[in-house]
């Protein structure tokens, strides 16, 4: 069992975290720390374990600069150390399920045929969602689970982040070369280190009281 943070340590990390407005462009995330954050993305949970996503990590300064105008000129895209674009696989079907089943068989050391019932259940679920017109919406919702895990993991490691929906997905897709590959940008997250002059870093968090938002039954 891994060493657990104390409740106080967890809350300290979450209170320290904020949506960083100004990143220090001179500070870069160490490779070992970044690899841990990549694995936080890989390990993110998803419905039926289907992982309907692909994460594009942008560190090239020229590419980050091209993303800025497509993100309403938000400087975080360029100034952060690593810029992650969360993309979803559109119109999932049997082909993706088969890839997942093959990976399950490989990791778990079982024959793919032994997973036939799971495969059919997964395909049926996707088909039902497609018929109801909610397949792509369901897939999009999965991305926010991964985003939440990434932001929390970063805070625990002392890395600043800024989640961003304020961009033009079509332009991001074009810049990242996604057009025609069944992937589309949904949300992004800048990661790095805050500038000491970012006034938002010292502002008190404004949250409703626990009694207002948590109901124990």
N, C-alpha and C. Protein backbone atom coordinates (compact mmCIF):
# COMPACT_ATOMS: atom_id res chain seq x y z
N UNK A 1 0.85 -1.20 0.00
CA UNK A 1 0.00 0.00 0.00
C UNK A 1 0.88 1.24 0.00
N UNK A 2 0.60 2.24 -0.88
CA UNK A 2 1.45 3.43 -0.93
C UNK A 2 1.31 4.28 0.32
N UNK A 3 2.35 5.05 0.57
CA UNK A 3 2.31 5.97 1.70
C UNK A 3 1.24 7.02 1.45
N UNK A 4 0.37 7.21 2.42
CA UNK A 4 -0.74 8.15 2.25
C UNK A 4 -0.37 9.52 2.79
N UNK A 5 -0.89 10.55 2.11
CA UNK A 5 -0.79 11.89 2.66
C UNK A 5 -1.69 11.98 3.89
N UNK A 6 -1.32 12.83 4.81
CA UNK A 6 -2.22 13.09 5.93
C UNK A 6 -3.37 13.95 5.42
N UNK A 7 -4.51 13.92 6.10
CA UNK A 7 -5.61 14.82 5.69
C UNK A 7 -5.18 16.27 5.63
N UNK A 8 -4.32 16.68 6.56
CA UNK A 8 -3.86 18.07 6.57
C UNK A 8 -3.02 18.37 5.33
N UNK A 9 -2.14 17.44 4.94
CA UNK A 9 -1.30 17.65 3.76
C UNK A 9 -2.13 17.78 2.49
N UNK A 10 -3.15 16.94 2.38
CA UNK A 10 -4.02 17.00 1.21
C UNK A 10 -4.71 18.36 1.13
N UNK A 11 -5.27 18.80 2.23
CA UNK A 11 -6.00 20.07 2.22
C UNK A 11 -5.06 21.24 1.99
N UNK A 12 -3.83 21.15 2.50
CA UNK A 12 -2.86 22.21 2.26
C UNK A 12 -2.56 22.32 0.76
N UNK A 13 -2.41 21.17 0.10
CA UNK A 13 -2.13 21.18 -1.34
C UNK A 13 -3.30 21.75 -2.12
N UNK A 14 -4.51 21.40 -1.74
CA UNK A 14 -5.68 21.87 -2.47
C UNK A 14 -5.95 23.35 -2.21
N UNK A 15 -5.63 23.82 -1.02
CA UNK A 15 -5.78 25.24 -0.74
C UNK A 15 -4.69 26.06 -1.43
N UNK A 16 -3.51 25.47 -1.59
CA UNK A 16 -2.42 26.14 -2.29
C UNK A 16 -2.71 26.28 -3.78
N UNK A 17 -3.40 25.31 -4.33
CA UNK A 17 -3.72 25.31 -5.76
C UNK A 17 -4.67 26.44 -6.12
N UNK A 18 -4.45 27.02 -7.28
CA UNK A 18 -5.39 28.00 -7.84
C UNK A 18 -5.20 28.00 -9.35
N UNK A 19 -6.12 28.59 -10.07
CA UNK A 19 -6.01 28.66 -11.52
C UNK A 19 -4.99 29.75 -11.86
N UNK A 20 -3.78 29.33 -12.13
CA UNK A 20 -2.66 30.26 -12.31
C UNK A 20 -2.85 31.13 -13.55
N UNK A 21 -2.74 32.43 -13.35
CA UNK A 21 -2.89 33.36 -14.47
C UNK A 21 -1.54 33.70 -15.10
N UNK A 22 -0.50 33.78 -14.28
CA UNK A 22 0.81 34.15 -14.79
C UNK A 22 1.84 33.08 -14.42
N UNK A 23 2.37 32.42 -15.45
CA UNK A 23 3.40 31.42 -15.24
C UNK A 23 4.78 32.04 -15.46
N UNK A 24 5.77 31.46 -14.79
CA UNK A 24 7.15 31.87 -14.99
C UNK A 24 7.70 31.11 -16.19
N UNK A 25 7.90 31.77 -17.33
CA UNK A 25 8.35 31.05 -18.53
C UNK A 25 9.76 30.49 -18.41
N UNK A 26 10.52 30.95 -17.42
CA UNK A 26 11.90 30.48 -17.26
C UNK A 26 11.98 29.17 -16.47
N UNK A 27 10.92 28.81 -15.78
CA UNK A 27 10.96 27.60 -14.95
C UNK A 27 10.28 26.44 -15.66
N UNK A 28 10.97 25.32 -15.71
CA UNK A 28 10.45 24.13 -16.36
C UNK A 28 10.26 23.00 -15.35
N UNK A 29 9.27 22.19 -15.58
CA UNK A 29 9.02 21.04 -14.71
C UNK A 29 10.08 19.98 -14.96
N UNK A 30 10.67 19.48 -13.87
CA UNK A 30 11.70 18.45 -13.99
C UNK A 30 11.13 17.20 -14.67
N UNK A 31 11.96 16.51 -15.42
CA UNK A 31 11.51 15.36 -16.20
C UNK A 31 10.85 14.29 -15.33
N UNK A 32 11.45 13.96 -14.19
CA UNK A 32 10.88 12.92 -13.34
C UNK A 32 9.50 13.32 -12.82
N UNK A 33 9.35 14.59 -12.49
CA UNK A 33 8.05 15.08 -12.02
C UNK A 33 7.04 15.03 -13.14
N UNK A 34 7.46 15.45 -14.34
CA UNK A 34 6.52 15.42 -15.45
C UNK A 34 6.10 13.99 -15.80
N UNK A 35 7.03 13.06 -15.77
CA UNK A 35 6.68 11.67 -16.07
C UNK A 35 5.63 11.14 -15.09
N UNK A 36 5.72 11.57 -13.82
CA UNK A 36 4.71 11.17 -12.84
C UNK A 36 3.35 11.76 -13.21
N UNK A 37 3.34 13.01 -13.67
CA UNK A 37 2.08 13.63 -14.06
C UNK A 37 1.51 12.98 -15.32
N UNK A 38 2.36 12.57 -16.24
CA UNK A 38 1.88 11.83 -17.41
C UNK A 38 1.20 10.54 -16.98
N UNK A 39 1.81 9.86 -16.01
CA UNK A 39 1.21 8.61 -15.53
C UNK A 39 -0.10 8.87 -14.80
N UNK A 40 -0.23 10.03 -14.17
CA UNK A 40 -1.51 10.39 -13.55
C UNK A 40 -2.60 10.45 -14.61
N UNK A 41 -2.25 10.92 -15.81
CA UNK A 41 -3.20 10.94 -16.92
C UNK A 41 -3.49 9.52 -17.40
N UNK A 42 -2.44 8.73 -17.56
CA UNK A 42 -2.60 7.35 -18.03
C UNK A 42 -3.47 6.55 -17.06
N UNK A 43 -3.32 6.82 -15.77
CA UNK A 43 -4.03 6.06 -14.74
C UNK A 43 -5.42 6.61 -14.43
N UNK A 44 -5.84 7.65 -15.11
CA UNK A 44 -7.15 8.24 -14.84
C UNK A 44 -8.26 7.22 -15.11
N UNK A 45 -9.27 7.19 -14.25
CA UNK A 45 -10.38 6.26 -14.46
C UNK A 45 -11.30 6.72 -15.58
N UNK A 46 -11.95 5.74 -16.21
CA UNK A 46 -12.94 6.05 -17.25
C UNK A 46 -14.01 4.97 -17.23
N UNK A 47 -15.17 5.29 -17.74
CA UNK A 47 -16.29 4.36 -17.76
C UNK A 47 -15.93 3.11 -18.56
N UNK A 48 -16.14 1.96 -17.96
CA UNK A 48 -15.81 0.65 -18.53
C UNK A 48 -14.32 0.55 -18.85
N UNK A 49 -13.54 1.51 -18.37
CA UNK A 49 -12.12 1.50 -18.63
C UNK A 49 -11.74 1.77 -20.07
N UNK A 50 -12.64 2.38 -20.86
CA UNK A 50 -12.41 2.50 -22.30
C UNK A 50 -11.42 3.58 -22.69
N UNK A 51 -11.14 4.52 -21.80
CA UNK A 51 -10.13 5.56 -22.08
C UNK A 51 -10.33 6.20 -23.46
N UNK A 52 -11.45 6.90 -23.65
CA UNK A 52 -11.76 7.45 -24.99
C UNK A 52 -11.02 8.74 -25.28
N UNK A 53 -9.72 8.76 -25.03
CA UNK A 53 -9.00 10.02 -25.08
C UNK A 53 -7.59 9.87 -25.63
N UNK A 54 -6.99 11.02 -25.91
CA UNK A 54 -5.57 11.12 -26.20
C UNK A 54 -5.13 12.48 -25.68
N UNK A 55 -3.99 12.52 -25.00
CA UNK A 55 -3.50 13.74 -24.38
C UNK A 55 -2.29 14.24 -25.16
N UNK A 56 -2.35 15.47 -25.63
CA UNK A 56 -1.25 16.06 -26.37
C UNK A 56 -0.49 17.02 -25.46
N UNK A 57 0.76 16.71 -25.22
CA UNK A 57 1.60 17.51 -24.33
C UNK A 57 2.50 18.40 -25.19
N UNK A 58 2.29 19.69 -25.09
CA UNK A 58 3.00 20.64 -25.94
C UNK A 58 4.07 21.36 -25.12
N UNK A 59 5.33 21.18 -25.53
CA UNK A 59 6.43 21.90 -24.89
C UNK A 59 7.20 22.74 -25.89
N UNK A 60 6.99 22.51 -27.17
CA UNK A 60 7.67 23.28 -28.21
C UNK A 60 7.19 24.73 -28.16
N UNK A 61 8.13 25.66 -27.98
CA UNK A 61 7.77 27.08 -27.81
C UNK A 61 7.02 27.63 -29.01
N UNK A 62 7.41 27.21 -30.20
CA UNK A 62 6.76 27.73 -31.41
C UNK A 62 5.31 27.26 -31.49
N UNK A 63 5.08 26.01 -31.16
CA UNK A 63 3.70 25.49 -31.20
C UNK A 63 2.86 26.15 -30.12
N UNK A 64 3.42 26.31 -28.93
CA UNK A 64 2.66 26.97 -27.86
C UNK A 64 2.29 28.39 -28.27
N UNK A 65 3.21 29.08 -28.93
CA UNK A 65 2.94 30.45 -29.36
C UNK A 65 1.81 30.49 -30.38
N UNK A 66 1.73 29.48 -31.24
CA UNK A 66 0.65 29.42 -32.23
C UNK A 66 -0.71 29.17 -31.57
N UNK A 67 -0.70 28.53 -30.42
CA UNK A 67 -1.96 28.24 -29.73
C UNK A 67 -2.55 29.47 -29.05
N UNK A 68 -1.70 30.44 -28.72
CA UNK A 68 -2.17 31.61 -27.97
C UNK A 68 -3.31 32.35 -28.67
N UNK A 69 -3.19 32.72 -29.96
CA UNK A 69 -4.31 33.42 -30.61
C UNK A 69 -5.59 32.60 -30.66
N UNK A 70 -5.44 31.27 -30.72
CA UNK A 70 -6.62 30.40 -30.76
C UNK A 70 -7.22 30.21 -29.38
N UNK A 71 -6.55 30.73 -28.35
CA UNK A 71 -7.04 30.66 -26.97
C UNK A 71 -7.33 32.05 -26.45
N UNK A 72 -7.83 32.90 -27.35
CA UNK A 72 -8.23 34.25 -26.98
C UNK A 72 -7.08 35.01 -26.32
N UNK A 73 -5.87 34.75 -26.81
CA UNK A 73 -4.66 35.46 -26.37
C UNK A 73 -4.34 35.25 -24.90
N UNK A 74 -4.69 34.11 -24.36
CA UNK A 74 -4.33 33.79 -22.98
C UNK A 74 -2.86 33.35 -22.96
N UNK A 75 -2.05 34.10 -22.24
CA UNK A 75 -0.61 33.89 -22.26
C UNK A 75 -0.18 32.58 -21.60
N UNK A 76 -1.06 31.98 -20.80
CA UNK A 76 -0.70 30.74 -20.12
C UNK A 76 -0.23 29.67 -21.10
N UNK A 77 -0.82 29.66 -22.29
CA UNK A 77 -0.45 28.65 -23.30
C UNK A 77 1.05 28.69 -23.59
N UNK A 78 1.58 29.88 -23.70
CA UNK A 78 2.99 30.03 -24.09
C UNK A 78 3.93 30.05 -22.89
N UNK A 79 3.49 30.61 -21.77
CA UNK A 79 4.39 30.83 -20.65
C UNK A 79 4.56 29.62 -19.74
N UNK A 80 3.63 28.68 -19.79
CA UNK A 80 3.73 27.51 -18.92
C UNK A 80 4.86 26.59 -19.39
N UNK A 81 5.21 25.64 -18.55
CA UNK A 81 6.24 24.66 -18.90
C UNK A 81 5.69 23.62 -19.86
N UNK A 82 4.54 23.04 -19.52
CA UNK A 82 3.90 22.01 -20.32
C UNK A 82 2.43 22.37 -20.52
N UNK A 83 1.97 22.32 -21.74
CA UNK A 83 0.58 22.63 -22.05
C UNK A 83 -0.09 21.35 -22.55
N UNK A 84 -1.11 20.91 -21.83
CA UNK A 84 -1.77 19.65 -22.16
C UNK A 84 -3.11 19.92 -22.81
N UNK A 85 -3.33 19.35 -23.98
CA UNK A 85 -4.61 19.45 -24.66
C UNK A 85 -5.30 18.09 -24.56
N UNK A 86 -6.47 18.10 -23.96
CA UNK A 86 -7.24 16.88 -23.75
C UNK A 86 -8.18 16.69 -24.95
N UNK A 87 -7.96 15.62 -25.68
CA UNK A 87 -8.79 15.36 -26.86
C UNK A 87 -9.59 14.08 -26.67
N UNK A 88 -10.72 14.03 -27.33
CA UNK A 88 -11.60 12.86 -27.22
C UNK A 88 -11.66 12.14 -28.56
N UNK A 89 -11.78 10.84 -28.48
CA UNK A 89 -11.96 10.02 -29.69
C UNK A 89 -13.44 10.05 -30.06
N UNK A 90 -13.76 10.52 -31.22
CA UNK A 90 -15.15 10.68 -31.62
C UNK A 90 -15.72 9.36 -32.14
N UNK A 91 -17.01 9.19 -31.89
CA UNK A 91 -17.77 8.07 -32.45
C UNK A 91 -17.11 6.72 -32.18
N UNK A 92 -16.83 6.46 -30.91
CA UNK A 92 -16.23 5.18 -30.55
C UNK A 92 -17.11 4.02 -31.00
N UNK A 93 -16.46 2.91 -31.35
CA UNK A 93 -17.20 1.74 -31.77
C UNK A 93 -16.43 0.47 -31.46
N UNK A 94 -16.77 -0.59 -32.17
CA UNK A 94 -16.20 -1.91 -31.91
C UNK A 94 -14.68 -1.93 -32.08
N UNK A 95 -14.16 -1.15 -33.02
CA UNK A 95 -12.72 -1.16 -33.25
C UNK A 95 -11.96 -0.72 -32.00
N UNK A 96 -12.44 0.34 -31.35
CA UNK A 96 -11.78 0.81 -30.14
C UNK A 96 -11.94 -0.22 -29.02
N UNK A 97 -13.12 -0.80 -28.91
CA UNK A 97 -13.34 -1.83 -27.88
C UNK A 97 -12.37 -2.99 -28.09
N UNK A 98 -12.17 -3.40 -29.34
CA UNK A 98 -11.27 -4.51 -29.63
C UNK A 98 -9.83 -4.17 -29.21
N UNK A 99 -9.42 -2.93 -29.41
CA UNK A 99 -8.09 -2.50 -28.98
C UNK A 99 -7.98 -2.60 -27.46
N UNK A 100 -9.04 -2.18 -26.78
CA UNK A 100 -9.04 -2.23 -25.32
C UNK A 100 -9.02 -3.67 -24.83
N UNK A 101 -9.81 -4.53 -25.45
CA UNK A 101 -9.85 -5.94 -25.05
C UNK A 101 -8.48 -6.59 -25.28
N UNK A 102 -7.83 -6.28 -26.39
CA UNK A 102 -6.51 -6.82 -26.67
C UNK A 102 -5.51 -6.39 -25.60
N UNK A 103 -5.61 -5.14 -25.18
CA UNK A 103 -4.71 -4.64 -24.13
C UNK A 103 -5.02 -5.31 -22.80
N UNK A 104 -6.30 -5.50 -22.49
CA UNK A 104 -6.68 -6.21 -21.26
C UNK A 104 -6.08 -7.61 -21.24
N UNK A 105 -6.20 -8.31 -22.36
CA UNK A 105 -5.67 -9.67 -22.45
C UNK A 105 -4.16 -9.69 -22.25
N UNK A 106 -3.49 -8.69 -22.83
CA UNK A 106 -2.03 -8.61 -22.70
C UNK A 106 -1.61 -8.36 -21.26
N UNK A 107 -2.25 -7.39 -20.62
CA UNK A 107 -1.86 -7.00 -19.27
C UNK A 107 -2.23 -8.07 -18.24
N UNK A 108 -3.42 -8.64 -18.40
CA UNK A 108 -3.92 -9.60 -17.42
C UNK A 108 -3.49 -11.03 -17.71
N UNK A 109 -2.87 -11.25 -18.86
CA UNK A 109 -2.38 -12.58 -19.19
C UNK A 109 -3.46 -13.60 -19.43
N UNK A 110 -4.52 -13.17 -20.11
CA UNK A 110 -5.64 -14.07 -20.41
C UNK A 110 -5.87 -14.10 -21.91
N UNK A 111 -6.64 -15.08 -22.36
CA UNK A 111 -6.97 -15.17 -23.78
C UNK A 111 -8.04 -14.14 -24.12
N UNK A 112 -7.95 -13.47 -25.26
CA UNK A 112 -8.97 -12.49 -25.65
C UNK A 112 -10.36 -13.09 -25.67
N UNK A 113 -10.49 -14.37 -26.03
CA UNK A 113 -11.81 -15.00 -26.08
C UNK A 113 -12.49 -15.03 -24.72
N UNK A 114 -11.69 -15.05 -23.65
CA UNK A 114 -12.28 -15.09 -22.31
C UNK A 114 -12.94 -13.77 -21.95
N UNK A 115 -12.69 -12.74 -22.75
CA UNK A 115 -13.27 -11.42 -22.50
C UNK A 115 -14.42 -11.11 -23.45
N UNK A 116 -14.95 -12.13 -24.10
CA UNK A 116 -15.99 -11.95 -25.11
C UNK A 116 -17.25 -11.29 -24.52
N UNK A 117 -17.64 -11.69 -23.33
CA UNK A 117 -18.85 -11.10 -22.72
C UNK A 117 -18.63 -9.63 -22.40
N UNK A 118 -17.46 -9.31 -21.89
CA UNK A 118 -17.15 -7.90 -21.62
C UNK A 118 -17.16 -7.11 -22.92
N UNK A 119 -16.55 -7.66 -23.95
CA UNK A 119 -16.50 -6.97 -25.24
C UNK A 119 -17.89 -6.65 -25.74
N UNK A 120 -18.79 -7.63 -25.68
CA UNK A 120 -20.13 -7.41 -26.19
C UNK A 120 -20.87 -6.37 -25.37
N UNK A 121 -20.68 -6.43 -24.06
CA UNK A 121 -21.33 -5.44 -23.18
C UNK A 121 -20.86 -4.04 -23.52
N UNK A 122 -19.55 -3.87 -23.75
CA UNK A 122 -19.00 -2.56 -24.06
C UNK A 122 -19.52 -2.06 -25.40
N UNK A 123 -19.53 -2.93 -26.41
CA UNK A 123 -20.03 -2.54 -27.74
C UNK A 123 -21.50 -2.16 -27.65
N UNK A 124 -22.28 -2.95 -26.91
CA UNK A 124 -23.71 -2.66 -26.77
C UNK A 124 -23.93 -1.30 -26.09
N UNK A 125 -23.13 -1.01 -25.07
CA UNK A 125 -23.26 0.28 -24.38
C UNK A 125 -22.98 1.45 -25.32
N UNK A 126 -21.94 1.30 -26.13
CA UNK A 126 -21.61 2.36 -27.08
C UNK A 126 -22.71 2.51 -28.13
N UNK A 127 -23.21 1.39 -28.62
CA UNK A 127 -24.27 1.44 -29.62
C UNK A 127 -25.53 2.10 -29.07
N UNK A 128 -25.86 1.79 -27.83
CA UNK A 128 -27.05 2.39 -27.21
C UNK A 128 -26.87 3.89 -27.03
N UNK A 129 -25.68 4.29 -26.60
CA UNK A 129 -25.41 5.72 -26.43
C UNK A 129 -25.45 6.43 -27.79
N UNK A 130 -24.93 5.78 -28.81
CA UNK A 130 -24.95 6.37 -30.16
C UNK A 130 -26.39 6.52 -30.65
N UNK A 131 -27.19 5.50 -30.45
CA UNK A 131 -28.60 5.54 -30.89
C UNK A 131 -29.38 6.63 -30.16
N UNK A 132 -29.00 6.90 -28.91
CA UNK A 132 -29.68 7.92 -28.12
C UNK A 132 -29.12 9.32 -28.38
N UNK A 133 -28.07 9.40 -29.22
CA UNK A 133 -27.49 10.69 -29.56
C UNK A 133 -26.63 11.29 -28.47
N UNK A 134 -26.12 10.47 -27.55
CA UNK A 134 -25.32 11.01 -26.45
C UNK A 134 -23.92 10.40 -26.36
N UNK A 135 -23.49 9.70 -27.39
CA UNK A 135 -22.19 9.04 -27.33
C UNK A 135 -21.05 10.04 -27.16
N UNK A 136 -20.98 11.04 -28.03
CA UNK A 136 -19.88 11.99 -27.95
C UNK A 136 -19.94 12.82 -26.67
N UNK A 137 -21.15 13.10 -26.19
CA UNK A 137 -21.28 13.84 -24.93
C UNK A 137 -20.75 13.01 -23.77
N UNK A 138 -21.08 11.73 -23.76
CA UNK A 138 -20.59 10.83 -22.71
C UNK A 138 -19.06 10.78 -22.73
N UNK A 139 -18.49 10.65 -23.92
CA UNK A 139 -17.04 10.60 -24.03
C UNK A 139 -16.40 11.88 -23.54
N UNK A 140 -17.00 13.01 -23.87
CA UNK A 140 -16.47 14.29 -23.44
C UNK A 140 -16.45 14.39 -21.92
N UNK A 141 -17.51 13.89 -21.27
CA UNK A 141 -17.56 13.94 -19.82
C UNK A 141 -16.39 13.17 -19.20
N UNK A 142 -15.96 12.10 -19.86
CA UNK A 142 -14.86 11.31 -19.32
C UNK A 142 -13.58 12.13 -19.20
N UNK A 143 -13.38 13.06 -20.13
CA UNK A 143 -12.15 13.86 -20.11
C UNK A 143 -12.01 14.67 -18.83
N UNK A 144 -13.13 15.10 -18.28
CA UNK A 144 -13.06 15.94 -17.09
C UNK A 144 -12.65 15.14 -15.86
N UNK A 145 -12.87 13.83 -15.90
CA UNK A 145 -12.35 12.97 -14.83
C UNK A 145 -10.83 13.00 -14.88
N UNK A 146 -10.28 12.83 -16.09
CA UNK A 146 -8.82 12.87 -16.25
C UNK A 146 -8.26 14.24 -15.89
N UNK A 147 -8.95 15.30 -16.28
CA UNK A 147 -8.50 16.65 -15.96
C UNK A 147 -8.43 16.85 -14.45
N UNK A 148 -9.46 16.42 -13.74
CA UNK A 148 -9.48 16.56 -12.28
C UNK A 148 -8.33 15.80 -11.63
N UNK A 149 -8.07 14.59 -12.12
CA UNK A 149 -6.97 13.81 -11.56
C UNK A 149 -5.64 14.50 -11.81
N UNK A 150 -5.49 15.07 -13.01
CA UNK A 150 -4.24 15.75 -13.36
C UNK A 150 -4.01 16.97 -12.47
N UNK A 151 -5.03 17.79 -12.30
CA UNK A 151 -4.90 19.01 -11.50
C UNK A 151 -4.57 18.67 -10.05
N UNK A 152 -5.26 17.68 -9.49
CA UNK A 152 -5.01 17.30 -8.10
C UNK A 152 -3.62 16.72 -7.93
N UNK A 153 -3.22 15.86 -8.86
CA UNK A 153 -1.88 15.27 -8.79
C UNK A 153 -0.81 16.35 -8.86
N UNK A 154 -1.02 17.33 -9.73
CA UNK A 154 -0.07 18.42 -9.85
C UNK A 154 0.03 19.20 -8.54
N UNK A 155 -1.10 19.48 -7.92
CA UNK A 155 -1.08 20.24 -6.67
C UNK A 155 -0.31 19.49 -5.59
N UNK A 156 -0.50 18.19 -5.53
CA UNK A 156 0.21 17.38 -4.53
C UNK A 156 1.72 17.44 -4.76
N UNK A 157 2.13 17.57 -6.02
CA UNK A 157 3.55 17.62 -6.36
C UNK A 157 4.10 19.05 -6.38
N UNK A 158 3.26 20.03 -6.05
CA UNK A 158 3.71 21.42 -6.01
C UNK A 158 3.83 22.06 -7.37
N UNK A 159 3.03 21.56 -8.32
CA UNK A 159 3.03 22.11 -9.68
C UNK A 159 1.76 22.93 -9.88
N UNK A 160 1.92 24.12 -10.42
CA UNK A 160 0.77 24.99 -10.69
C UNK A 160 0.09 24.59 -11.99
N UNK A 161 -1.22 24.81 -12.04
CA UNK A 161 -1.99 24.50 -13.24
C UNK A 161 -3.04 25.56 -13.49
N UNK A 162 -3.52 25.58 -14.72
CA UNK A 162 -4.65 26.43 -15.08
C UNK A 162 -5.49 25.70 -16.12
N UNK A 163 -6.63 25.12 -15.72
CA UNK A 163 -7.51 24.48 -16.70
C UNK A 163 -8.15 25.53 -17.59
N UNK A 164 -8.32 25.20 -18.87
CA UNK A 164 -8.81 26.17 -19.84
C UNK A 164 -9.80 25.55 -20.80
N UNK A 165 -11.00 26.15 -20.86
CA UNK A 165 -11.96 25.82 -21.91
C UNK A 165 -12.03 26.95 -22.94
N UNK A 166 -11.42 28.07 -22.63
CA UNK A 166 -11.51 29.24 -23.48
C UNK A 166 -10.57 29.19 -24.67
N UNK A 167 -10.92 28.38 -25.65
CA UNK A 167 -10.15 28.33 -26.89
C UNK A 167 -11.05 27.84 -28.01
N UNK A 168 -10.57 27.96 -29.24
CA UNK A 168 -11.33 27.52 -30.40
C UNK A 168 -10.88 26.11 -30.79
N UNK A 169 -11.70 25.10 -30.49
CA UNK A 169 -11.28 23.71 -30.72
C UNK A 169 -10.85 23.43 -32.15
N UNK A 170 -11.55 23.99 -33.12
CA UNK A 170 -11.20 23.72 -34.52
C UNK A 170 -9.78 24.20 -34.83
N UNK A 171 -9.41 25.36 -34.29
CA UNK A 171 -8.08 25.89 -34.55
C UNK A 171 -7.01 25.09 -33.80
N UNK A 172 -7.34 24.67 -32.57
CA UNK A 172 -6.41 23.80 -31.84
C UNK A 172 -6.20 22.51 -32.63
N UNK A 173 -7.30 21.94 -33.12
CA UNK A 173 -7.20 20.69 -33.88
C UNK A 173 -6.29 20.86 -35.10
N UNK A 174 -6.43 22.00 -35.77
CA UNK A 174 -5.61 22.26 -36.96
C UNK A 174 -4.14 22.40 -36.60
N UNK A 175 -3.86 23.15 -35.55
CA UNK A 175 -2.47 23.38 -35.14
C UNK A 175 -1.81 22.09 -34.69
N UNK A 176 -2.57 21.25 -34.01
CA UNK A 176 -2.01 19.99 -33.49
C UNK A 176 -2.06 18.86 -34.51
N UNK A 177 -2.63 19.12 -35.67
CA UNK A 177 -2.68 18.10 -36.71
C UNK A 177 -3.69 17.00 -36.45
N UNK A 178 -4.79 17.34 -35.78
CA UNK A 178 -5.79 16.33 -35.42
C UNK A 178 -6.86 16.13 -36.48
N UNK A 179 -7.01 17.10 -37.36
CA UNK A 179 -8.09 17.06 -38.34
C UNK A 179 -8.01 15.80 -39.19
N UNK A 180 -9.14 15.09 -39.24
CA UNK A 180 -9.21 13.87 -40.05
C UNK A 180 -8.79 12.61 -39.32
N UNK A 181 -8.43 12.71 -38.04
CA UNK A 181 -7.99 11.53 -37.29
C UNK A 181 -8.99 11.09 -36.22
N UNK A 182 -10.20 11.64 -36.26
CA UNK A 182 -11.22 11.21 -35.31
C UNK A 182 -10.99 11.69 -33.90
N UNK A 183 -10.19 12.75 -33.75
CA UNK A 183 -9.92 13.33 -32.44
C UNK A 183 -10.31 14.80 -32.47
N UNK A 184 -10.78 15.30 -31.33
CA UNK A 184 -11.07 16.73 -31.25
C UNK A 184 -10.73 17.26 -29.87
N UNK A 185 -10.24 18.49 -29.82
CA UNK A 185 -9.85 19.13 -28.57
C UNK A 185 -11.09 19.53 -27.77
N UNK A 186 -11.04 19.27 -26.47
CA UNK A 186 -12.19 19.59 -25.60
C UNK A 186 -11.80 20.59 -24.52
N UNK A 187 -10.71 20.33 -23.84
CA UNK A 187 -10.27 21.18 -22.73
C UNK A 187 -8.75 21.12 -22.70
N UNK A 188 -8.13 22.09 -22.04
CA UNK A 188 -6.67 22.11 -21.95
C UNK A 188 -6.26 22.47 -20.53
N UNK A 189 -4.98 22.27 -20.25
CA UNK A 189 -4.48 22.63 -18.92
C UNK A 189 -3.01 23.01 -19.01
N UNK A 190 -2.72 24.22 -18.60
CA UNK A 190 -1.33 24.69 -18.53
C UNK A 190 -0.74 24.22 -17.20
N UNK A 191 0.54 23.84 -17.24
CA UNK A 191 1.21 23.37 -16.02
C UNK A 191 2.61 23.98 -15.95
N UNK A 192 3.02 24.36 -14.76
CA UNK A 192 4.33 24.96 -14.58
C UNK A 192 4.45 25.57 -13.20
N UNK A 193 5.04 26.76 -13.15
CA UNK A 193 5.25 27.44 -11.87
C UNK A 193 4.78 28.88 -11.95
N UNK A 194 4.07 29.30 -10.94
CA UNK A 194 3.51 30.66 -10.89
C UNK A 194 4.60 31.72 -10.79
N UNK A 195 4.31 32.88 -11.34
CA UNK A 195 5.16 34.04 -11.12
C UNK A 195 4.82 34.64 -9.75
N UNK A 196 5.81 35.08 -9.00
CA UNK A 196 5.53 35.69 -7.68
C UNK A 196 4.62 36.92 -7.79
N UNK A 197 4.59 37.54 -8.97
CA UNK A 197 3.79 38.76 -9.14
C UNK A 197 2.34 38.47 -9.51
N UNK A 198 1.96 37.20 -9.62
CA UNK A 198 0.58 36.88 -9.96
C UNK A 198 -0.30 37.16 -8.74
N UNK A 199 -1.08 38.22 -8.83
CA UNK A 199 -1.87 38.64 -7.67
C UNK A 199 -2.91 37.61 -7.26
N UNK A 200 -3.32 36.76 -8.19
CA UNK A 200 -4.35 35.79 -7.88
C UNK A 200 -3.85 34.67 -6.97
N UNK A 201 -2.52 34.54 -6.87
CA UNK A 201 -1.95 33.48 -6.04
C UNK A 201 -2.25 33.69 -4.55
N UNK A 202 -2.40 34.93 -4.14
CA UNK A 202 -2.58 35.23 -2.72
C UNK A 202 -4.02 35.57 -2.35
N UNK A 203 -4.90 35.55 -3.34
CA UNK A 203 -6.30 35.82 -3.03
C UNK A 203 -6.92 34.66 -2.26
N UNK A 204 -7.76 34.98 -1.31
CA UNK A 204 -8.44 33.93 -0.55
C UNK A 204 -9.44 33.20 -1.45
N UNK A 205 -9.50 31.89 -1.27
CA UNK A 205 -10.48 31.12 -2.04
C UNK A 205 -11.89 31.48 -1.58
N UNK A 206 -12.78 31.61 -2.53
CA UNK A 206 -14.19 31.88 -2.21
C UNK A 206 -14.99 30.62 -2.53
N UNK A 207 -15.46 29.98 -1.51
CA UNK A 207 -16.24 28.76 -1.67
C UNK A 207 -17.47 28.85 -0.76
N UNK A 208 -18.54 28.22 -1.19
CA UNK A 208 -19.68 28.09 -0.28
C UNK A 208 -19.25 27.24 0.91
N UNK A 209 -19.96 27.36 2.01
CA UNK A 209 -19.61 26.58 3.19
C UNK A 209 -19.87 25.10 2.92
N UNK A 210 -19.21 24.27 3.70
CA UNK A 210 -19.40 22.82 3.56
C UNK A 210 -20.88 22.47 3.71
N UNK A 211 -21.56 23.10 4.65
CA UNK A 211 -22.97 22.81 4.90
C UNK A 211 -23.82 23.15 3.67
N UNK A 212 -23.37 24.08 2.86
CA UNK A 212 -24.13 24.47 1.67
C UNK A 212 -23.98 23.47 0.53
N UNK A 213 -22.87 22.78 0.48
CA UNK A 213 -22.61 21.94 -0.70
C UNK A 213 -22.46 20.45 -0.40
N UNK A 214 -22.37 20.07 0.87
CA UNK A 214 -22.22 18.66 1.22
C UNK A 214 -23.41 18.23 2.07
N UNK A 215 -24.05 17.18 1.64
CA UNK A 215 -25.20 16.63 2.37
C UNK A 215 -24.87 15.22 2.80
N UNK A 216 -24.81 14.97 4.07
CA UNK A 216 -24.55 13.62 4.58
C UNK A 216 -25.89 12.92 4.84
N UNK A 217 -26.05 11.77 4.28
CA UNK A 217 -27.31 11.03 4.43
C UNK A 217 -27.06 9.72 5.18
